[in-house]
Protein backbone atom coordinates (compact mmCIF):
# COMPACT_ATOMS: atom_id res chain seq x y z
CA MET A 1 77.66 89.10 159.36
CA ASP A 2 74.58 87.87 157.53
CA PRO A 3 74.72 84.35 156.09
CA PRO A 4 74.91 84.02 152.31
CA ALA A 5 71.57 83.98 150.49
CA GLU A 6 72.13 80.39 149.36
CA ALA A 7 72.59 79.13 152.95
CA LEU A 8 70.13 77.18 155.08
CA VAL A 9 70.50 78.41 158.68
CA LEU A 10 69.54 76.28 161.68
CA ASP A 11 69.97 78.22 164.91
CA PRO A 12 68.15 78.32 168.27
CA ALA A 13 65.43 80.52 166.77
CA THR A 14 64.74 78.58 163.57
CA CYS A 15 65.80 74.96 163.91
CA MET A 16 62.63 73.46 165.43
CA ALA A 17 60.23 75.23 163.07
CA PHE A 18 62.23 73.94 160.12
CA LEU A 19 62.65 70.34 161.31
CA GLU A 20 59.17 69.53 162.60
CA PRO A 21 57.48 69.55 159.15
CA LEU A 22 60.18 67.21 157.86
CA THR A 23 59.28 64.60 160.47
CA HIS A 24 55.76 64.45 158.97
CA ARG A 25 56.95 64.36 155.39
CA SER A 26 55.71 61.29 153.53
CA PRO A 27 58.46 58.80 152.63
CA SER A 28 56.97 58.69 149.13
CA SER A 29 57.98 62.32 148.65
CA ASP A 30 61.66 61.63 149.28
CA ASP A 31 62.43 62.05 145.62
CA LEU A 32 61.00 65.58 145.69
CA PRO A 33 63.55 68.10 146.93
CA LEU A 34 62.48 71.01 149.09
CA SER A 35 61.50 74.14 147.19
CA ALA A 36 64.57 76.05 148.41
CA ALA A 37 67.92 75.12 146.89
CA PRO A 38 70.56 76.06 149.49
CA ARG A 39 74.18 75.15 148.80
CA GLN A 40 75.37 75.53 152.39
CA LEU A 41 74.00 74.41 155.76
CA LEU A 42 74.82 76.50 158.83
CA ILE A 43 74.18 75.08 162.30
CA LEU A 44 74.91 77.89 164.72
CA GLU A 45 75.04 78.35 168.46
CA GLY A 46 76.49 81.36 170.21
CA HIS A 47 76.14 84.21 172.67
CA GLY A 48 74.76 81.85 175.31
CA ARG A 49 71.89 80.70 173.10
CA HIS A 50 71.79 76.95 172.57
CA ILE A 51 69.85 74.73 170.22
CA PRO A 52 67.13 72.77 172.13
CA THR A 53 67.98 69.24 173.20
CA SER A 54 64.96 67.99 171.22
CA PHE A 55 66.84 69.04 168.07
CA VAL A 56 68.88 65.84 168.45
CA ASP A 57 65.77 63.63 168.48
CA LEU A 58 64.19 65.43 165.54
CA SER A 59 67.41 65.19 163.51
CA THR A 60 67.56 61.47 164.25
CA ARG A 61 63.96 60.98 163.13
CA VAL A 62 64.45 62.98 159.94
CA THR A 63 67.56 61.05 158.97
CA ALA A 64 65.72 57.78 159.63
CA ARG A 65 62.78 58.78 157.40
CA SER A 66 64.42 60.73 154.60
CA ASP A 67 67.36 60.75 152.23
CA PHE A 68 69.10 64.03 153.01
CA ARG A 69 70.86 64.07 149.67
CA ARG A 70 67.52 63.98 147.86
CA LEU A 71 65.92 66.53 150.16
CA PHE A 72 68.88 68.90 149.80
CA PRO A 73 70.48 67.97 146.48
CA HIS A 74 72.46 71.21 146.22
CA ILE A 75 74.05 71.32 149.68
CA VAL A 76 77.78 70.72 149.37
CA ALA A 77 79.05 72.67 152.41
CA LEU A 78 78.27 72.43 156.11
CA LYS A 79 79.43 74.76 158.86
CA ALA A 80 78.64 74.00 162.50
CA GLN A 81 79.55 76.21 165.44
CA CYS A 82 78.64 74.02 168.37
CA GLU A 83 78.73 75.15 171.99
CA SER A 84 76.77 72.24 173.47
CA SER A 85 77.10 68.48 173.28
CA HIS A 86 73.55 68.00 171.97
CA CYS A 87 74.23 70.41 169.11
CA LEU A 88 77.31 68.34 168.25
CA ARG A 89 75.34 65.09 168.32
CA ALA A 90 72.66 66.54 166.05
CA THR A 91 75.28 67.94 163.69
CA ILE A 92 76.80 64.49 163.26
CA HIS A 93 73.42 63.21 162.02
CA TRP A 94 73.38 65.93 159.37
CA ILE A 95 76.97 65.27 158.35
CA ILE A 96 76.28 61.56 157.97
CA GLY A 97 72.99 62.24 156.18
CA LEU A 98 74.58 64.54 153.62
CA GLY A 99 77.65 62.31 153.49
CA HIS A 100 78.95 61.88 149.97
CA SER A 101 77.51 65.24 148.85
CA LEU A 102 79.73 67.29 151.13
CA THR A 103 82.89 68.84 149.73
CA SER A 104 83.39 71.41 152.51
CA LEU A 105 83.05 70.98 156.29
CA SER A 106 83.75 73.40 159.13
CA LEU A 107 83.19 71.97 162.61
CA ARG A 108 83.78 73.55 165.99
CA LEU A 109 83.86 70.94 168.73
CA PRO A 110 82.33 72.39 171.91
CA SER A 111 84.71 72.61 174.86
CA SER A 112 81.71 72.05 177.13
CA ALA A 113 81.34 68.52 175.74
CA THR A 114 83.35 65.77 177.38
CA ALA A 115 86.37 64.32 175.63
CA ASP A 116 84.44 61.07 175.16
CA VAL A 117 81.60 62.86 173.35
CA GLN A 118 84.03 64.66 171.04
CA THR A 119 86.01 61.53 170.16
CA ALA A 120 82.78 59.58 169.60
CA ALA A 121 81.62 62.25 167.16
CA LEU A 122 84.86 62.02 165.19
CA ARG A 123 84.67 58.22 165.06
CA ALA A 124 81.09 58.40 163.80
CA MET A 125 82.12 60.59 160.85
CA ARG A 126 84.94 58.35 159.64
CA GLY A 127 84.30 57.04 156.14
CA ARG A 128 81.07 59.04 155.76
CA VAL A 129 82.40 62.09 153.90
CA PRO A 130 84.92 60.66 151.42
CA TYR A 131 84.74 63.55 148.94
CA LEU A 132 85.59 66.39 151.30
CA GLN A 133 87.97 68.87 149.70
CA ARG A 134 88.00 71.52 152.43
CA LEU A 135 88.01 70.80 156.17
CA GLU A 136 88.22 73.03 159.23
CA ILE A 137 88.14 71.59 162.74
CA ASP A 138 88.34 73.74 165.86
CA ALA A 139 89.00 71.85 169.08
CA ASP A 140 90.37 73.00 172.42
CA LEU A 141 92.71 70.62 174.26
CA ARG A 142 93.05 72.90 177.28
CA GLY A 143 91.43 71.45 180.36
CA LEU A 144 91.86 67.86 179.18
CA THR A 145 94.17 65.35 180.77
CA GLU A 146 97.24 64.34 178.79
CA GLY A 147 95.60 61.05 177.85
CA GLN A 148 92.34 62.69 176.79
CA ALA A 149 94.20 65.29 174.73
CA LEU A 150 96.22 62.61 172.96
CA ASP A 151 93.14 60.49 172.24
CA LEU A 152 91.22 63.46 170.82
CA ALA A 153 94.19 64.62 168.73
CA LEU A 154 94.68 61.15 167.28
CA GLN A 155 90.98 60.89 166.43
CA VAL A 156 91.17 64.22 164.57
CA VAL A 157 94.22 63.28 162.49
CA THR A 158 92.91 59.76 161.82
CA PHE A 159 89.70 61.29 160.47
CA CYS A 160 91.76 63.67 158.32
CA ASP A 161 94.07 60.96 156.99
CA ASP A 162 91.08 59.10 155.52
CA LEU A 163 90.15 62.08 153.33
CA ARG A 164 92.13 61.42 150.18
CA CYS A 165 90.43 64.23 148.21
CA LEU A 166 91.32 66.90 150.77
CA THR A 167 93.00 70.00 149.32
CA SER A 168 92.59 72.49 152.20
CA LEU A 169 92.88 71.78 155.94
CA SER A 170 92.61 74.04 159.00
CA LEU A 171 93.45 72.75 162.50
CA PRO A 172 94.66 74.01 165.87
CA VAL A 173 98.43 73.57 165.94
CA GLU A 174 98.08 71.88 169.34
CA ILE A 175 96.19 69.02 167.67
CA LEU A 176 99.06 68.25 165.30
CA GLU A 177 101.70 68.97 167.92
CA THR A 178 100.12 66.37 170.21
CA ALA A 179 99.40 63.77 167.53
CA TRP A 180 102.90 64.01 166.02
CA GLN A 181 104.40 62.66 169.23
CA VAL A 182 102.81 59.28 168.47
CA HIS A 183 102.10 59.50 164.75
CA ALA A 184 104.87 61.61 163.19
CA GLN A 185 103.44 61.36 159.66
CA ALA A 186 99.91 62.48 160.57
CA VAL A 187 98.24 64.41 157.70
CA SER A 188 101.58 64.71 155.87
CA GLY A 189 100.63 61.89 153.49
CA LEU A 190 97.45 63.48 152.14
CA PRO A 191 98.15 63.31 148.40
CA LEU A 192 96.20 66.40 147.28
CA LEU A 193 96.66 68.70 150.28
CA GLN A 194 97.66 72.12 148.96
CA GLU A 195 96.70 74.53 151.75
CA LEU A 196 97.27 74.11 155.49
CA GLU A 197 96.14 76.58 158.14
CA LEU A 198 97.31 76.15 161.73
CA ASN A 199 95.93 78.24 164.58
CA THR A 200 97.29 78.36 168.10
CA GLN A 201 95.27 78.72 171.28
CA THR A 202 98.09 79.92 173.53
CA ARG A 203 100.99 82.36 173.35
CA THR A 204 103.42 80.04 175.10
CA ALA A 205 106.13 78.02 173.40
CA LEU A 206 105.05 74.70 171.93
CA SER A 207 105.17 72.13 174.71
CA ARG A 208 106.54 69.50 172.36
CA ARG A 209 108.88 70.35 169.51
CA PRO A 210 107.35 69.14 166.22
CA PRO A 211 109.45 66.82 164.08
CA THR A 212 111.66 68.48 161.48
CA ARG A 213 110.35 66.95 158.29
CA SER A 214 112.38 65.72 155.35
CA GLY A 215 109.44 64.27 153.41
CA GLY A 216 105.67 64.40 153.15
CA PHE A 217 103.30 67.27 152.33
CA ASN A 218 104.27 66.73 148.70
CA SER A 219 101.47 68.88 147.24
CA LEU A 220 101.50 71.59 149.92
CA HIS A 221 102.11 75.08 148.55
CA THR A 222 100.32 77.39 151.03
CA LEU A 223 100.83 77.59 154.80
CA ARG A 224 98.87 79.95 157.04
CA ILE A 225 99.82 80.34 160.69
CA ARG A 226 97.89 82.24 163.35
CA GLY A 227 100.07 82.43 166.44
CA PRO A 228 103.15 83.94 168.10
CA MET A 229 106.20 84.45 165.89
CA PHE A 230 108.42 82.26 168.07
CA GLN A 231 106.21 79.25 167.26
CA CYS A 232 106.23 79.83 163.51
CA ALA A 233 109.74 78.56 162.70
CA ASP A 234 109.03 75.19 164.35
CA ILE A 235 105.69 74.95 162.57
CA VAL A 236 107.19 75.67 159.15
CA GLY A 237 109.97 73.17 159.83
CA ALA A 238 107.39 70.49 160.59
CA THR A 239 105.63 70.89 157.25
CA SER A 240 107.47 71.40 153.96
CA ARG A 241 110.50 73.35 152.81
CA SER A 242 108.87 73.61 149.37
CA ILE A 243 105.98 75.87 150.39
CA LYS A 244 105.46 78.82 148.08
CA ARG A 245 102.96 80.93 150.01
CA LEU A 246 103.38 81.81 153.67
CA ASP A 247 100.79 83.83 155.57
CA ILE A 248 101.55 84.64 159.22
CA GLN A 249 99.19 86.55 161.49
CA CYS A 250 100.47 87.42 164.94
CA ASP A 251 98.04 88.78 167.52
CA PHE A 252 100.67 89.18 170.24
CA LEU A 253 103.22 91.89 170.98
CA GLU A 254 106.54 90.60 169.68
CA GLU A 255 110.06 91.86 170.32
CA THR A 256 112.19 92.84 167.35
CA HIS A 257 114.70 90.01 167.81
CA ALA A 258 111.87 87.44 167.90
CA ILE A 259 110.49 88.64 164.56
CA THR A 260 113.91 88.82 162.91
CA GLY A 261 115.09 85.49 164.33
CA THR A 262 111.94 83.68 163.26
CA LEU A 263 112.09 85.04 159.71
CA ARG A 264 115.77 84.08 159.49
CA SER A 265 114.99 80.51 160.59
CA ILE A 266 112.12 80.24 158.12
CA THR A 267 114.04 81.56 155.12
CA ASN A 268 117.05 79.40 155.99
CA TYR A 269 114.81 76.34 156.19
CA CYS A 270 113.13 77.13 152.87
CA SER A 271 116.38 78.08 151.11
CA ALA A 272 119.58 76.51 149.87
CA SER A 273 122.91 78.22 149.22
CA VAL A 274 123.98 78.40 145.58
CA PRO A 275 127.09 79.93 143.98
CA CYS A 276 126.66 83.53 142.83
CA GLY A 277 127.13 82.60 139.19
CA ALA A 278 124.81 79.61 139.32
CA SER A 279 121.20 79.57 138.33
CA ARG A 280 118.29 77.18 138.75
CA GLY A 281 117.39 77.67 135.13
CA ARG A 282 119.00 78.71 131.91
CA SER A 283 120.17 82.33 131.88
CA PRO A 284 118.26 84.52 129.47
CA ARG A 285 120.02 85.81 126.37
CA GLY A 286 122.17 88.83 127.01
CA THR A 287 122.90 88.32 130.70
CA HIS A 288 126.48 87.21 130.03
CA GLY A 289 126.39 84.45 132.64
CA ILE A 290 124.84 86.50 135.45
CA ALA A 291 122.13 84.48 137.15
CA PRO A 292 118.58 85.86 136.82
CA ALA A 293 118.42 85.91 140.62
CA ASN A 294 121.13 88.58 140.59
CA MET A 295 120.03 90.82 137.72
CA ASN A 296 118.13 93.33 139.85
CA ALA A 297 121.07 93.43 142.23
CA LEU A 298 123.02 95.32 139.55
CA PHE A 299 120.90 98.30 140.57
CA SER A 300 121.00 97.59 144.32
CA PRO A 301 123.16 100.01 146.35
CA HIS A 302 125.01 97.06 147.86
CA GLY A 303 125.35 94.94 144.74
CA ILE A 304 125.03 91.17 144.45
CA PRO A 305 124.75 89.43 147.84
CA SER A 306 127.14 86.59 148.61
CA PRO A 307 126.41 83.82 149.15
CA VAL A 308 123.15 83.89 147.22
CA ARG A 309 120.35 81.79 148.72
CA SER A 310 117.64 80.32 146.54
CA SER A 311 114.13 79.82 147.90
CA ASP A 312 110.79 78.60 146.59
CA LEU A 313 108.83 81.18 148.62
CA THR A 314 106.89 83.35 146.17
CA ASP A 315 104.22 84.95 148.36
CA VAL A 316 104.68 86.16 151.95
CA GLN A 317 102.08 88.01 154.01
CA LEU A 318 102.90 89.19 157.53
CA THR A 319 100.18 90.73 159.70
CA PHE A 320 100.81 92.05 163.21
CA THR A 321 97.81 93.26 165.19
CA GLN A 322 100.06 94.45 168.04
CA GLY A 323 103.49 96.01 167.82
CA SER A 324 105.99 98.50 169.17
CA LEU A 325 107.57 101.57 167.62
CA GLU A 326 110.99 99.98 168.15
CA SER A 327 110.12 97.13 165.76
CA ALA A 328 108.58 99.42 163.13
CA HIS A 329 111.66 99.38 160.93
CA LEU A 330 112.10 97.45 157.73
CA ARG A 331 115.40 96.07 159.02
CA THR A 332 113.29 93.92 161.35
CA PHE A 333 112.24 91.93 158.27
CA ALA A 334 115.69 91.85 156.63
CA PRO A 335 115.98 88.00 156.55
CA LEU A 336 113.37 88.01 153.78
CA LEU A 337 116.02 89.44 151.46
CA SER A 338 117.30 85.89 151.00
CA ALA A 339 113.96 84.75 149.56
CA HIS A 340 114.92 85.58 145.98
CA ALA A 341 111.86 84.01 144.34
CA LEU A 342 109.41 86.40 146.02
CA ARG A 343 106.67 87.73 143.76
CA ARG A 344 104.42 89.24 146.42
CA LEU A 345 105.19 90.62 149.88
CA SER A 346 102.74 92.31 152.22
CA ILE A 347 103.63 93.63 155.68
CA ARG A 348 100.91 95.00 157.96
CA TYR A 349 102.00 96.56 161.23
CA PRO A 350 100.25 98.80 163.80
CA TYR A 351 102.66 101.70 163.19
CA ALA A 352 104.21 103.21 160.07
CA LEU A 353 107.34 101.38 158.93
CA SER A 354 110.64 103.25 158.76
CA TYR A 355 112.93 102.62 155.79
CA SER A 356 115.17 104.44 153.36
CA LEU A 357 115.72 104.67 149.63
CA ASP A 358 118.61 102.22 149.99
CA ASP A 359 116.38 99.77 151.88
CA VAL A 360 113.91 99.72 148.99
CA GLY A 361 116.78 99.28 146.55
CA ASP A 362 118.11 96.33 148.54
CA MET A 363 114.70 94.66 148.52
CA LEU A 364 114.11 95.10 144.82
CA GLY A 365 117.68 94.07 144.09
CA SER A 366 117.12 90.83 145.98
CA TRP A 367 113.67 89.98 144.62
CA HIS A 368 114.08 89.92 140.87
CA HIS A 369 110.56 88.59 140.22
CA ILE A 370 108.72 90.83 142.70
CA GLN A 371 105.40 92.02 141.25
CA SER A 372 103.55 93.32 144.30
CA LEU A 373 105.16 94.99 147.33
CA SER A 374 103.00 96.33 150.16
CA LEU A 375 104.81 98.12 152.98
CA ASN A 376 102.05 98.94 155.45
CA PRO A 377 100.29 101.85 153.70
CA ARG A 378 97.54 102.03 156.36
CA PRO A 379 98.94 101.39 159.87
CA SER A 380 96.10 100.53 162.22
CA SER A 381 97.45 102.42 165.27
CA GLY A 382 98.65 105.57 163.54
CA ILE A 383 101.82 107.09 162.19
CA GLY A 384 104.03 107.06 165.28
CA SER A 385 106.82 109.55 164.65
CA LEU A 386 106.80 111.74 161.54
CA SER A 387 110.60 111.79 161.53
CA THR A 388 110.75 108.05 160.81
CA ILE A 389 108.40 108.05 157.82
CA PRO A 390 110.21 107.60 154.51
CA SER A 391 110.22 110.43 152.00
CA ILE A 392 108.40 110.27 148.69
CA GLY A 393 111.91 110.10 147.24
CA ILE A 394 111.97 106.34 147.89
CA LEU A 395 109.88 106.01 144.72
CA SER A 396 113.05 106.64 142.72
CA ALA A 397 114.35 103.28 143.97
CA VAL A 398 111.20 101.64 142.59
CA ALA A 399 111.84 103.22 139.19
CA ARG A 400 115.52 102.27 139.27
CA CYS A 401 115.45 98.77 140.74
CA GLY A 402 111.99 97.32 140.11
CA PRO A 403 111.62 96.27 136.46
CA SER A 404 109.04 93.59 137.31
CA LEU A 405 107.08 95.52 139.95
CA ARG A 406 103.41 96.05 139.06
CA ASP A 407 101.91 97.22 142.37
CA PHE A 408 103.61 99.26 145.09
CA HIS A 409 101.92 100.13 148.40
CA CYS A 410 103.65 102.45 150.84
CA LEU A 411 103.26 105.24 153.39
CA VAL A 412 105.49 108.25 152.77
CA GLU A 413 105.70 111.93 153.58
CA GLY A 414 105.61 114.42 150.74
CA PHE A 415 106.76 117.53 152.58
CA GLY A 416 110.40 117.36 151.54
CA THR A 417 111.88 119.07 148.51
CA CYS A 418 114.78 116.65 147.92
CA ARG A 419 113.30 114.20 145.43
CA PRO A 420 116.08 112.55 143.45
CA LEU A 421 115.56 111.26 139.95
CA PRO A 422 117.59 108.13 139.13
CA GLU A 423 120.33 108.40 136.54
CA HIS A 424 119.05 105.27 134.84
CA THR A 425 115.93 103.11 135.07
CA TRP A 426 114.65 99.83 133.74
CA ALA A 427 111.62 101.31 131.94
CA PRO A 428 109.49 100.90 135.09
CA SER A 429 106.39 98.78 134.58
CA LEU A 430 104.51 99.98 137.67
CA LEU A 431 100.74 99.86 137.11
CA THR A 432 99.29 100.74 140.53
CA LEU A 433 100.58 103.08 143.24
CA ASP A 434 98.86 102.95 146.63
CA MET A 435 100.18 105.53 149.12
CA GLY A 436 97.41 104.91 151.66
CA HIS A 437 97.55 107.32 154.59
CA SER A 438 100.64 109.19 153.35
CA LEU A 439 101.13 112.76 154.55
CA GLY A 440 101.76 115.97 152.64
CA SER A 441 100.65 119.53 152.11
CA CYS A 442 97.34 119.97 150.32
CA ARG A 443 98.42 123.26 148.76
CA ARG A 444 97.84 123.02 145.04
CA TYR A 445 101.39 123.82 143.96
CA GLU A 446 102.88 121.26 146.38
CA MET A 447 100.52 118.54 145.18
CA GLN A 448 101.45 119.54 141.63
CA GLU A 449 105.12 119.12 142.50
CA ALA A 450 104.50 115.63 143.88
CA ALA A 451 102.39 114.65 140.85
CA ASN A 452 105.08 115.88 138.46
CA TYR A 453 107.74 113.92 140.33
CA ILE A 454 105.71 110.71 140.11
CA ARG A 455 105.10 111.29 136.39
CA ASP A 456 108.81 111.78 135.78
CA LEU A 457 109.37 108.36 137.32
CA PHE A 458 106.50 106.30 135.93
CA ARG A 459 104.77 108.28 133.17
CA VAL A 460 101.54 106.27 133.39
CA VAL A 461 100.32 104.80 136.68
CA ASP A 462 96.94 104.28 138.39
CA PHE A 463 96.51 105.72 141.88
CA GLU A 464 94.58 103.87 144.56
CA THR A 465 92.34 106.49 146.24
CA GLU A 466 89.99 104.40 148.38
CA ASP A 467 90.71 104.79 152.12
CA CYS A 468 93.53 107.22 151.38
CA SER A 469 94.56 110.54 152.90
CA ASP A 470 93.37 113.86 151.47
CA TRP A 471 96.89 114.49 150.22
CA VAL A 472 96.99 111.23 148.24
CA VAL A 473 93.54 111.88 146.75
CA GLY A 474 94.65 115.40 145.80
CA VAL A 475 97.91 114.27 144.20
CA ALA A 476 96.03 111.60 142.24
CA ALA A 477 93.53 114.18 140.96
CA VAL A 478 96.30 116.56 139.87
CA PHE A 479 98.15 113.68 138.21
CA ARG A 480 95.07 112.75 136.18
CA GLU A 481 94.33 116.36 135.23
CA THR A 482 97.82 117.06 133.97
CA SER A 483 97.93 113.69 132.19
CA CYS A 484 94.84 114.67 130.19
CA ILE A 485 96.41 118.00 129.26
CA ALA A 486 99.62 116.30 128.20
């Protein structure tokens, strides 16, 4: 990927040619910024190509002669992908030189550098970048002794804890897991921290169970986890039960019970049981005492769940890059039904998900505020079995049970002729329908039948046609044509 146009790139091919003229720059010209006005500095190593060791000396000389903030008055972000210790040492000079100007920093500590070099770099940065708002640190504790790993982890969290303006933080989960054994409140007291991303480097269980937290992370609303599902429940429990957005990406093959069990633990942790007739807020006029959380359940095939659980989760995204056909059923994700505050749910899975009209009704009956529901419209590894793909008839559940739904994304088959129309609907408010790689006959009359069915349900709706099957594109075209005639 090419760097953004506003970025200054220092890599093995360009760094020396850029730095050498700066070493001869007259101190009297410090007040004159360079002609270019980059907003981001990229220091990049990779693919076995390293920045020359002399880059460290030149960086030292430039920082001694010049005021970086005057030379580069527009740079507010620095990203360094270091694979060598001398690249790390040079990067620290640039971080210190830009200092108070930086609001965003992404730093990869090289595993080839000794633990002493890495901890020294972190100590050198302390207090030098007080206005950082976004921070990403990538460090690998594997290969270090227990003492070295603990020292490095503590240096990372100590550096983070000094950043009182920080709103977004990304760390390896092993860093926090290790630091929390000695400093249980590490990073949890950052007053403005809103987004936390934790990445794991292994697929084994956490070696030390994180503390279950009853306080801290007071401003946190978004948690992103990149790791095995069986780690996720412990990670969520160590942060905040008040998170609103949860984004989990799993790159490992997970068994069905592991996915279901983890989601149950997470929703239980983020939820509290409330009586069926109770409500967090005042019931709207005309509900006759029925809690808003249960209104959609009037149109759910199974009615109002009991006991009702109330959760602050509003946005959940689940991405699985590996999976099995056995887990490709919506029942695998059933614990999410207790997250009644959901507004957006996205599930991405390698194979097409299997679910029924009643399953969709249960979901919409549980999530009374749901506005966007994406059920894997483009499975990365293919369809799997045609017999497990839901029929286009599941759209009737959307019309019947989804009064708040604006966007629906699904993969269905349109071959069947049994397409029920609901006896009653809530004047469906669906704006966008994305059927992705859905299957159906491209005969004109069959596409016409599908388009008519969708119009009977939603009257006016926009079709997503980018990266869609020929059948979906055809149905969308027929829908638009007949809409113009009508």
